[in-house]
N, C-alpha and C. Protein backbone atom coordinates (compact mmCIF):
# COMPACT_ATOMS: atom_id res chain seq x y z
N LYS A 1 -121.62 -169.76 175.91
CA LYS A 1 -121.02 -170.09 174.68
C LYS A 1 -120.38 -168.47 174.63
N SER A 2 -118.89 -168.21 174.20
CA SER A 2 -117.98 -167.16 173.45
C SER A 2 -118.95 -166.72 172.38
N SER A 3 -119.49 -165.33 171.82
CA SER A 3 -119.63 -164.51 171.18
C SER A 3 -118.91 -164.16 170.09
N SER A 4 -117.50 -163.90 170.82
CA SER A 4 -116.26 -163.78 169.87
C SER A 4 -115.88 -164.72 169.24
N LYS A 5 -114.84 -164.55 167.81
CA LYS A 5 -115.04 -165.86 167.26
C LYS A 5 -113.12 -165.90 167.55
N PRO A 6 -112.47 -166.99 167.13
CA PRO A 6 -110.76 -167.02 168.45
C PRO A 6 -110.01 -166.55 167.80
N MET A 7 -109.15 -166.45 168.32
CA MET A 7 -107.67 -165.43 167.10
C MET A 7 -106.60 -167.14 167.68
N ILE A 8 -106.18 -167.26 165.76
CA ILE A 8 -104.49 -168.09 166.07
C ILE A 8 -103.73 -167.55 165.53
N LEU A 9 -103.32 -167.43 166.90
CA LEU A 9 -101.38 -167.03 165.80
C LEU A 9 -100.67 -167.82 165.44
N GLY A 10 -99.58 -167.56 165.13
CA GLY A 10 -98.37 -167.93 165.07
C GLY A 10 -98.49 -168.36 163.60
N THR A 11 -99.47 -167.96 163.01
CA THR A 11 -99.01 -169.03 160.89
C THR A 11 -98.40 -168.60 160.52
N LYS A 12 -97.38 -169.63 160.27
CA LYS A 12 -97.36 -168.94 158.50
C LYS A 12 -97.56 -168.96 157.06
N ALA A 13 -97.27 -168.87 155.77
CA ALA A 13 -97.77 -168.11 155.15
C ALA A 13 -97.95 -169.20 153.99
N TYR A 14 -96.90 -170.36 154.49
CA TYR A 14 -96.03 -172.03 153.89
C TYR A 14 -96.06 -172.69 154.43
N TYR A 15 -96.27 -173.52 154.73
CA TYR A 15 -95.99 -175.05 155.38
C TYR A 15 -96.17 -175.81 154.25
N ALA A 16 -94.90 -176.81 154.41
CA ALA A 16 -94.09 -177.74 153.50
C ALA A 16 -95.02 -178.97 154.01
N PRO A 17 -95.05 -180.22 153.34
CA PRO A 17 -95.58 -181.84 153.82
C PRO A 17 -93.98 -182.06 154.47
N GLY A 18 -94.42 -182.50 156.11
CA GLY A 18 -93.81 -182.74 156.71
C GLY A 18 -92.93 -182.00 158.07
N ASP A 19 -93.59 -179.87 158.01
CA ASP A 19 -93.26 -179.47 158.91
C ASP A 19 -93.70 -179.44 159.52
N LEU A 20 -92.56 -179.14 161.35
CA LEU A 20 -94.09 -179.23 162.72
C LEU A 20 -94.89 -177.56 162.63
N VAL A 21 -95.90 -177.68 162.38
CA VAL A 21 -97.04 -176.11 162.99
C VAL A 21 -96.72 -176.13 164.59
N ASN A 22 -96.54 -175.39 164.77
CA ASN A 22 -97.10 -174.12 165.76
C ASN A 22 -97.61 -173.13 165.96
N VAL A 23 -98.31 -173.21 166.31
CA VAL A 23 -99.78 -172.18 166.64
C VAL A 23 -100.83 -171.96 167.80
N THR A 24 -101.25 -171.49 168.01
CA THR A 24 -102.30 -171.18 169.19
C THR A 24 -103.39 -170.98 169.25
N CYS A 25 -104.43 -171.28 169.82
CA CYS A 25 -106.36 -170.94 169.47
C CYS A 25 -106.00 -170.07 170.89
N MET A 26 -106.72 -168.54 170.71
CA MET A 26 -107.52 -168.14 172.10
C MET A 26 -108.88 -168.26 171.38
N SER A 27 -109.53 -168.44 172.69
CA SER A 27 -110.90 -167.85 171.83
C SER A 27 -111.25 -167.06 173.94
N ALA A 28 -112.43 -166.45 173.87
CA ALA A 28 -112.17 -166.24 174.96
C ALA A 28 -113.30 -166.72 175.95
N PRO A 29 -113.46 -165.53 177.81
CA PRO A 29 -113.43 -166.52 178.32
C PRO A 29 -115.32 -166.65 178.09
N SER A 30 -115.23 -168.23 178.07
CA SER A 30 -116.89 -168.29 178.40
C SER A 30 -117.37 -169.75 179.06
N ARG A 31 -118.78 -169.82 179.59
CA ARG A 31 -119.73 -170.12 180.18
C ARG A 31 -120.75 -171.41 179.81
N PRO A 32 -120.82 -172.01 179.22
CA PRO A 32 -119.51 -173.78 179.74
C PRO A 32 -118.28 -173.51 178.36
N ALA A 33 -117.39 -173.78 179.00
CA ALA A 33 -116.28 -174.19 178.58
C ALA A 33 -115.99 -173.71 176.79
N ASP A 34 -115.80 -173.03 176.40
CA ASP A 34 -115.61 -173.33 174.31
C ASP A 34 -115.07 -174.94 174.45
N ILE A 35 -115.50 -175.73 172.96
CA ILE A 35 -114.63 -176.46 173.25
C ILE A 35 -113.27 -176.06 171.61
N LEU A 36 -111.83 -175.86 171.20
CA LEU A 36 -111.38 -176.05 170.18
C LEU A 36 -110.89 -177.09 169.51
N LYS A 37 -110.94 -177.23 168.48
CA LYS A 37 -110.43 -177.98 167.83
C LYS A 37 -109.80 -178.20 166.68
N TRP A 38 -108.66 -178.27 166.58
CA TRP A 38 -108.45 -178.76 164.90
C TRP A 38 -108.13 -178.66 163.84
N TRP A 39 -108.53 -179.39 162.33
CA TRP A 39 -108.67 -180.23 161.80
C TRP A 39 -107.90 -179.36 160.37
N ILE A 40 -107.09 -180.90 159.65
CA ILE A 40 -105.84 -180.83 158.19
C ILE A 40 -106.34 -181.32 158.04
N ASN A 41 -106.83 -180.61 156.46
CA ASN A 41 -108.03 -180.97 154.92
C ASN A 41 -108.70 -182.28 155.54
N GLY A 42 -109.51 -182.43 156.69
CA GLY A 42 -110.92 -182.61 157.11
C GLY A 42 -110.41 -184.10 158.00
N GLU A 43 -109.74 -183.69 157.84
CA GLU A 43 -109.17 -184.93 159.05
C GLU A 43 -108.32 -184.17 160.99
N GLU A 44 -109.49 -185.04 162.27
CA GLU A 44 -109.16 -183.69 163.22
C GLU A 44 -107.62 -184.58 163.47
N VAL A 45 -106.92 -183.25 164.14
CA VAL A 45 -105.36 -182.66 165.14
C VAL A 45 -105.62 -183.56 165.97
N GLN A 46 -104.78 -184.74 166.98
CA GLN A 46 -104.67 -184.28 168.26
C GLN A 46 -103.56 -183.49 168.52
N VAL A 47 -103.70 -182.47 169.09
CA VAL A 47 -103.34 -181.85 169.72
C VAL A 47 -102.47 -182.26 171.10
N MET A 48 -101.17 -181.94 170.16
CA MET A 48 -99.93 -182.12 171.38
C MET A 48 -99.26 -181.60 172.67
N MET A 49 -99.91 -181.62 174.05
CA MET A 49 -99.72 -180.28 174.96
C MET A 49 -98.17 -180.15 175.80
């Protein structure tokens, strides 16, 4: 696992309900690979790639 924290890029100070959010989460190389997940208001977000 990586010893450094992931970096989140592309955030805005405010989002309105219904806004499309486009952000990137990057982590340092690690073995085994880190598992990155997004959560909003306590619910896991299904990531679109």
